C-alpha atoms as a PDB file:
ATOM      1  CA  UNK A   1       0.401  -0.061   0.092  1.00  0.00           C
ATOM      2  CA  UNK A   2       1.358   3.412  -0.904  1.00  0.00           C
ATOM      3  CA  UNK A   3       1.737   6.024   1.605  1.00  0.00           C
ATOM      4  CA  UNK A   4       0.059   8.943   0.406  1.00  0.00           C
ATOM      5  CA  UNK A   5       2.136  11.296   2.290  1.00  0.00           C
ATOM      6  CA  UNK A   6       5.495  10.197   0.794  1.00  0.00           C
ATOM      7  CA  UNK A   7       4.809   7.644  -1.701  1.00  0.00           C
ATOM      8  CA  UNK A   8       6.772   4.806   0.292  1.00  0.00           C
ATOM      9  CA  UNK A   9       5.383   1.335  -0.778  1.00  0.00           C
ATOM     10  CA  UNK A  10       5.575  -0.720   2.632  1.00  0.00           C
ATOM     11  CA  UNK A  11       3.441  -0.202   5.372  1.00  0.00           C
ATOM     12  CA  UNK A  12       1.929  -2.065   8.935  1.00  0.00           C
ATOM     13  CA  UNK A  13      -1.210  -2.167   9.880  1.00  0.00           C
ATOM     14  CA  UNK A  14      -2.089  -0.726  13.192  1.00  0.00           C
ATOM     15  CA  UNK A  15      -5.932  -1.709  13.195  1.00  0.00           C
ATOM     16  CA  UNK A  16      -8.789  -3.894  11.090  1.00  0.00           C
ATOM     17  CA  UNK A  17     -12.774  -3.476  11.780  1.00  0.00           C
ATOM     18  CA  UNK A  18     -15.435  -4.791   9.589  1.00  0.00           C
ATOM     19  CA  UNK A  19     -17.427  -1.920   8.143  1.00  0.00           C
ATOM     20  CA  UNK A  20     -20.854  -1.191   5.952  1.00  0.00           C
ATOM     21  CA  UNK A  21     -22.074  -4.640   7.412  1.00  0.00           C
ATOM     22  CA  UNK A  22     -18.940  -6.348   7.048  1.00  0.00           C
ATOM     23  CA  UNK A  23     -18.900  -5.599   3.653  1.00  0.00           C
ATOM     24  CA  UNK A  24     -15.660  -3.835   3.465  1.00  0.00           C
ATOM     25  CA  UNK A  25     -12.605  -4.115   6.197  1.00  0.00           C
ATOM     26  CA  UNK A  26     -11.187  -0.712   7.817  1.00  0.00           C
ATOM     27  CA  UNK A  27      -7.279  -1.101   7.667  1.00  0.00           C
ATOM     28  CA  UNK A  28      -5.465   1.864   9.898  1.00  0.00           C
ATOM     29  CA  UNK A  29      -2.116   1.707   8.512  1.00  0.00           C
ATOM     30  CA  UNK A  30       1.452   3.470   9.665  1.00  0.00           C
ATOM     31  CA  UNK A  31       4.362   4.121   6.800  1.00  0.00           C
ATOM     32  CA  UNK A  32       7.406   2.725   7.515  1.00  0.00           C
ATOM     33  CA  UNK A  33       9.277   5.584   6.396  1.00  0.00           C
ATOM     34  CA  UNK A  34       8.064   8.709   7.568  1.00  0.00           C
ATOM     35  CA  UNK A  35       5.281   6.809  10.477  1.00  0.00           C
ATOM     36  CA  UNK A  36       2.220   8.727   9.535  1.00  0.00           C
ATOM     37  CA  UNK A  37      -0.949   6.817  10.024  1.00  0.00           C
ATOM     38  CA  UNK A  38      -3.456   6.872   7.001  1.00  0.00           C
ATOM     39  CA  UNK A  39      -6.599   4.556   6.697  1.00  0.00           C
ATOM     40  CA  UNK A  40      -7.969   2.095   3.846  1.00  0.00           C
ATOM     41  CA  UNK A  41     -11.098   0.150   2.902  1.00  0.00           C
ATOM     42  CA  UNK A  42     -10.912  -3.208   1.573  1.00  0.00           C
ATOM     43  CA  UNK A  43     -13.391  -4.738  -0.127  1.00  0.00           C
ATOM     44  CA  UNK A  44     -14.321  -7.788  -2.045  1.00  0.00           C
ATOM     45  CA  UNK A  45     -13.409  -8.085  -5.825  1.00  0.00           C
ATOM     46  CA  UNK A  46     -17.147  -9.643  -7.132  1.00  0.00           C
ATOM     47  CA  UNK A  47     -16.663 -10.404 -10.884  1.00  0.00           C
ATOM     48  CA  UNK A  48     -19.301 -11.117 -12.898  1.00  0.00           C
ATOM     49  CA  UNK A  49     -20.365 -14.642 -14.182  1.00  0.00           C
ATOM     50  CA  UNK A  50     -21.345 -14.649 -17.988  1.00  0.00           C
ATOM     51  CA  UNK A  51     -22.980 -17.974 -19.029  1.00  0.00           C
ATOM     52  CA  UNK A  52     -22.702 -18.863 -22.676  1.00  0.00           C
ATOM     53  CA  UNK A  53     -25.866 -20.704 -24.115  1.00  0.00           C
ATOM     54  CA  UNK A  54     -26.494 -23.436 -26.767  1.00  0.00           C
ATOM     55  CA  UNK A  55     -27.322 -20.795 -29.088  1.00  0.00           C
ATOM     56  CA  UNK A  56     -23.482 -18.566 -28.084  1.00  0.00           C
ATOM     57  CA  UNK A  57     -25.300 -16.089 -26.723  1.00  0.00           C
ATOM     58  CA  UNK A  58     -23.974 -14.673 -23.455  1.00  0.00           C
ATOM     59  CA  UNK A  59     -25.898 -13.468 -20.521  1.00  0.00           C
ATOM     60  CA  UNK A  60     -25.118 -12.702 -16.856  1.00  0.00           C
ATOM     61  CA  UNK A  61     -25.337 -15.264 -14.344  1.00  0.00           C
ATOM     62  CA  UNK A  62     -29.197 -15.343 -13.219  1.00  0.00           C
ATOM     63  CA  UNK A  63     -29.000 -16.843  -9.774  1.00  0.00           C
ATOM     64  CA  UNK A  64     -33.034 -16.280  -9.685  1.00  0.00           C
ATOM     65  CA  UNK A  65     -33.411 -17.975 -12.793  1.00  0.00           C
ATOM     66  CA  UNK A  66     -31.340 -20.769 -11.805  1.00  0.00           C
ATOM     67  CA  UNK A  67     -33.249 -21.364  -7.835  1.00  0.00           C
ATOM     68  CA  UNK A  68     -36.949 -20.654  -9.902  1.00  0.00           C
ATOM     69  CA  UNK A  69     -35.240 -23.863 -12.224  1.00  0.00           C
ATOM     70  CA  UNK A  70     -34.295 -26.108  -9.154  1.00  0.00           C
ATOM     71  CA  UNK A  71     -37.986 -24.964  -7.629  1.00  0.00           C
ATOM     72  CA  UNK A  72     -39.688 -26.673 -10.532  1.00  0.00           C
ATOM     73  CA  UNK A  73     -38.096 -29.026 -10.132  1.00  0.00           C
ATOM     74  CA  UNK A  74     -39.274 -29.803  -6.253  1.00  0.00           C
ATOM     75  CA  UNK A  75     -42.416 -28.854  -7.121  1.00  0.00           C
ATOM     76  CA  UNK A  76     -44.250 -30.975  -5.053  1.00  0.00           C
ATOM     77  CA  UNK A  77     -41.860 -32.726  -3.169  1.00  0.00           C
ATOM     78  CA  UNK A  78     -40.621 -32.688   0.176  1.00  0.00           C
ATOM     79  CA  UNK A  79     -37.650 -30.386  -0.101  1.00  0.00           C
ATOM     80  CA  UNK A  80     -37.213 -27.142   1.528  1.00  0.00           C
ATOM     81  CA  UNK A  81     -37.045 -23.562   0.292  1.00  0.00           C
ATOM     82  CA  UNK A  82     -33.758 -23.208   2.479  1.00  0.00           C
ATOM     83  CA  UNK A  83     -32.312 -26.647   0.590  1.00  0.00           C
ATOM     84  CA  UNK A  84     -33.018 -25.003  -2.337  1.00  0.00           C
ATOM     85  CA  UNK A  85     -31.183 -21.465  -1.519  1.00  0.00           C
ATOM     86  CA  UNK A  86     -27.946 -23.428   0.187  1.00  0.00           C
ATOM     87  CA  UNK A  87     -28.152 -25.339  -3.161  1.00  0.00           C
ATOM     88  CA  UNK A  88     -27.859 -22.175  -5.727  1.00  0.00           C
ATOM     89  CA  UNK A  89     -25.286 -20.255  -2.771  1.00  0.00           C
ATOM     90  CA  UNK A  90     -23.180 -23.594  -3.638  1.00  0.00           C
ATOM     91  CA  UNK A  91     -23.711 -24.003  -7.237  1.00  0.00           C
ATOM     92  CA  UNK A  92     -22.827 -19.800  -7.234  1.00  0.00           C
ATOM     93  CA  UNK A  93     -19.508 -20.485  -5.119  1.00  0.00           C
ATOM     94  CA  UNK A  94     -18.154 -22.698  -7.269  1.00  0.00           C
ATOM     95  CA  UNK A  95     -18.915 -20.536 -10.296  1.00  0.00           C
ATOM     96  CA  UNK A  96     -17.184 -17.745  -8.230  1.00  0.00           C
ATOM     97  CA  UNK A  97     -14.543 -19.732  -7.504  1.00  0.00           C
ATOM     98  CA  UNK A  98     -13.052 -21.208 -10.941  1.00  0.00           C
ATOM     99  CA  UNK A  99     -11.044 -18.849 -12.293  1.00  0.00           C
ATOM    100  CA  UNK A 100     -13.513 -18.592 -15.629  1.00  0.00           C
ATOM    101  CA  UNK A 101     -15.360 -15.586 -15.723  1.00  0.00           C
ATOM    102  CA  UNK A 102     -17.359 -17.431 -18.630  1.00  0.00           C
ATOM    103  CA  UNK A 103     -19.588 -20.647 -17.915  1.00  0.00           C
ATOM    104  CA  UNK A 104     -21.401 -22.727 -20.024  1.00  0.00           C
ATOM    105  CA  UNK A 105     -24.706 -23.063 -19.207  1.00  0.00           C
ATOM    106  CA  UNK A 106     -24.057 -26.988 -19.930  1.00  0.00           C
ATOM    107  CA  UNK A 107     -21.314 -26.388 -16.944  1.00  0.00           C
ATOM    108  CA  UNK A 108     -24.419 -24.446 -14.307  1.00  0.00           C
ATOM    109  CA  UNK A 109     -26.460 -27.506 -15.559  1.00  0.00           C
ATOM    110  CA  UNK A 110     -23.973 -30.108 -14.488  1.00  0.00           C
ATOM    111  CA  UNK A 111     -23.478 -28.342 -11.381  1.00  0.00           C
ATOM    112  CA  UNK A 112     -28.121 -28.190 -10.635  1.00  0.00           C
ATOM    113  CA  UNK A 113     -27.928 -31.741 -11.397  1.00  0.00           C
ATOM    114  CA  UNK A 114     -25.423 -32.911  -8.787  1.00  0.00           C
ATOM    115  CA  UNK A 115     -27.023 -30.764  -6.395  1.00  0.00           C
ATOM    116  CA  UNK A 116     -30.393 -32.264  -7.323  1.00  0.00           C
ATOM    117  CA  UNK A 117     -28.958 -35.549  -7.016  1.00  0.00           C
ATOM    118  CA  UNK A 118     -28.131 -34.985  -3.342  1.00  0.00           C
ATOM    119  CA  UNK A 119     -31.113 -33.683  -2.033  1.00  0.00           C
ATOM    120  CA  UNK A 120     -33.910 -35.132  -4.390  1.00  0.00           C
ATOM    121  CA  UNK A 121     -33.876 -37.713  -7.052  1.00  0.00           C
ATOM    122  CA  UNK A 122     -36.772 -37.379  -8.269  1.00  0.00           C
ATOM    123  CA  UNK A 123     -36.542 -34.252  -9.002  1.00  0.00           C
ATOM    124  CA  UNK A 124     -33.546 -34.605  -9.800  1.00  0.00           C
ATOM    125  CA  UNK A 125     -34.804 -36.933 -12.759  1.00  0.00           C
ATOM    126  CA  UNK A 126     -37.202 -34.334 -13.224  1.00  0.00           C
ATOM    127  CA  UNK A 127     -34.575 -31.849 -13.909  1.00  0.00           C
ATOM    128  CA  UNK A 128     -32.691 -34.120 -16.401  1.00  0.00           C
ATOM    129  CA  UNK A 129     -35.995 -35.255 -18.449  1.00  0.00           C
ATOM    130  CA  UNK A 130     -35.712 -31.376 -19.346  1.00  0.00           C
ATOM    131  CA  UNK A 131     -32.169 -30.576 -19.167  1.00  0.00           C
ATOM    132  CA  UNK A 132     -31.040 -33.416 -21.205  1.00  0.00           C
ATOM    133  CA  UNK A 133     -33.717 -33.748 -23.660  1.00  0.00           C
ATOM    134  CA  UNK A 134     -34.203 -37.146 -23.845  1.00  0.00           C
ATOM    135  CA  UNK A 135     -35.209 -38.319 -27.481  1.00  0.00           C
ATOM    136  CA  UNK A 136     -37.179 -41.627 -25.856  1.00  0.00           C
ATOM    137  CA  UNK A 137     -37.955 -43.792 -23.296  1.00  0.00           C
ATOM    138  CA  UNK A 138     -34.327 -45.481 -23.334  1.00  0.00           C
ATOM    139  CA  UNK A 139     -32.714 -42.620 -22.980  1.00  0.00           C
ATOM    140  CA  UNK A 140     -34.337 -41.797 -20.087  1.00  0.00           C
ATOM    141  CA  UNK A 141     -34.840 -45.453 -18.641  1.00  0.00           C
ATOM    142  CA  UNK A 142     -30.494 -45.198 -18.642  1.00  0.00           C
ATOM    143  CA  UNK A 143     -31.012 -42.125 -16.163  1.00  0.00           C
ATOM    144  CA  UNK A 144     -33.147 -43.945 -13.622  1.00  0.00           C
ATOM    145  CA  UNK A 145     -31.056 -47.488 -14.181  1.00  0.00           C
ATOM    146  CA  UNK A 146     -27.888 -45.084 -13.214  1.00  0.00           C
ATOM    147  CA  UNK A 147     -29.721 -43.715  -9.579  1.00  0.00           C
ATOM    148  CA  UNK A 148     -30.136 -47.776  -9.024  1.00  0.00           C
ATOM    149  CA  UNK A 149     -27.654 -49.679  -6.475  1.00  0.00           C
ATOM    150  CA  UNK A 150     -26.248 -52.567  -8.442  1.00  0.00           C
ATOM    151  CA  UNK A 151     -27.192 -55.699  -7.543  1.00  0.00           C
END
């Protein structure tokens, strides 16, 4: 951090505390050269995630759209809203943690199917039937067979 008084690039942190409901951190610093004190603010950089759709169009990631898709798959199933919100949070975190700023809708759909498989198998099959656009009953059966235990 560059000192605003002398321009020296080394300083030490004297005090840190959260501000703005934890969205920023206020740091009191002391320049190691001139010993003057100054304040800096640190914020989390959030880069937008762009979803590349099948037709190659691009749109910003929309967590509400993902939530609505999961909600439709879980209709009339014993799945709480909190479980779905957690799934969306996990998927969004996985996307944010990847170094890619552009992700395919295919990848978002795969993440969604993984989460639904953990939450509710019926919802998983519902989502997969729409997402994978099964051509016939045999491809649908193959997906269900993957869920059944070997034996």
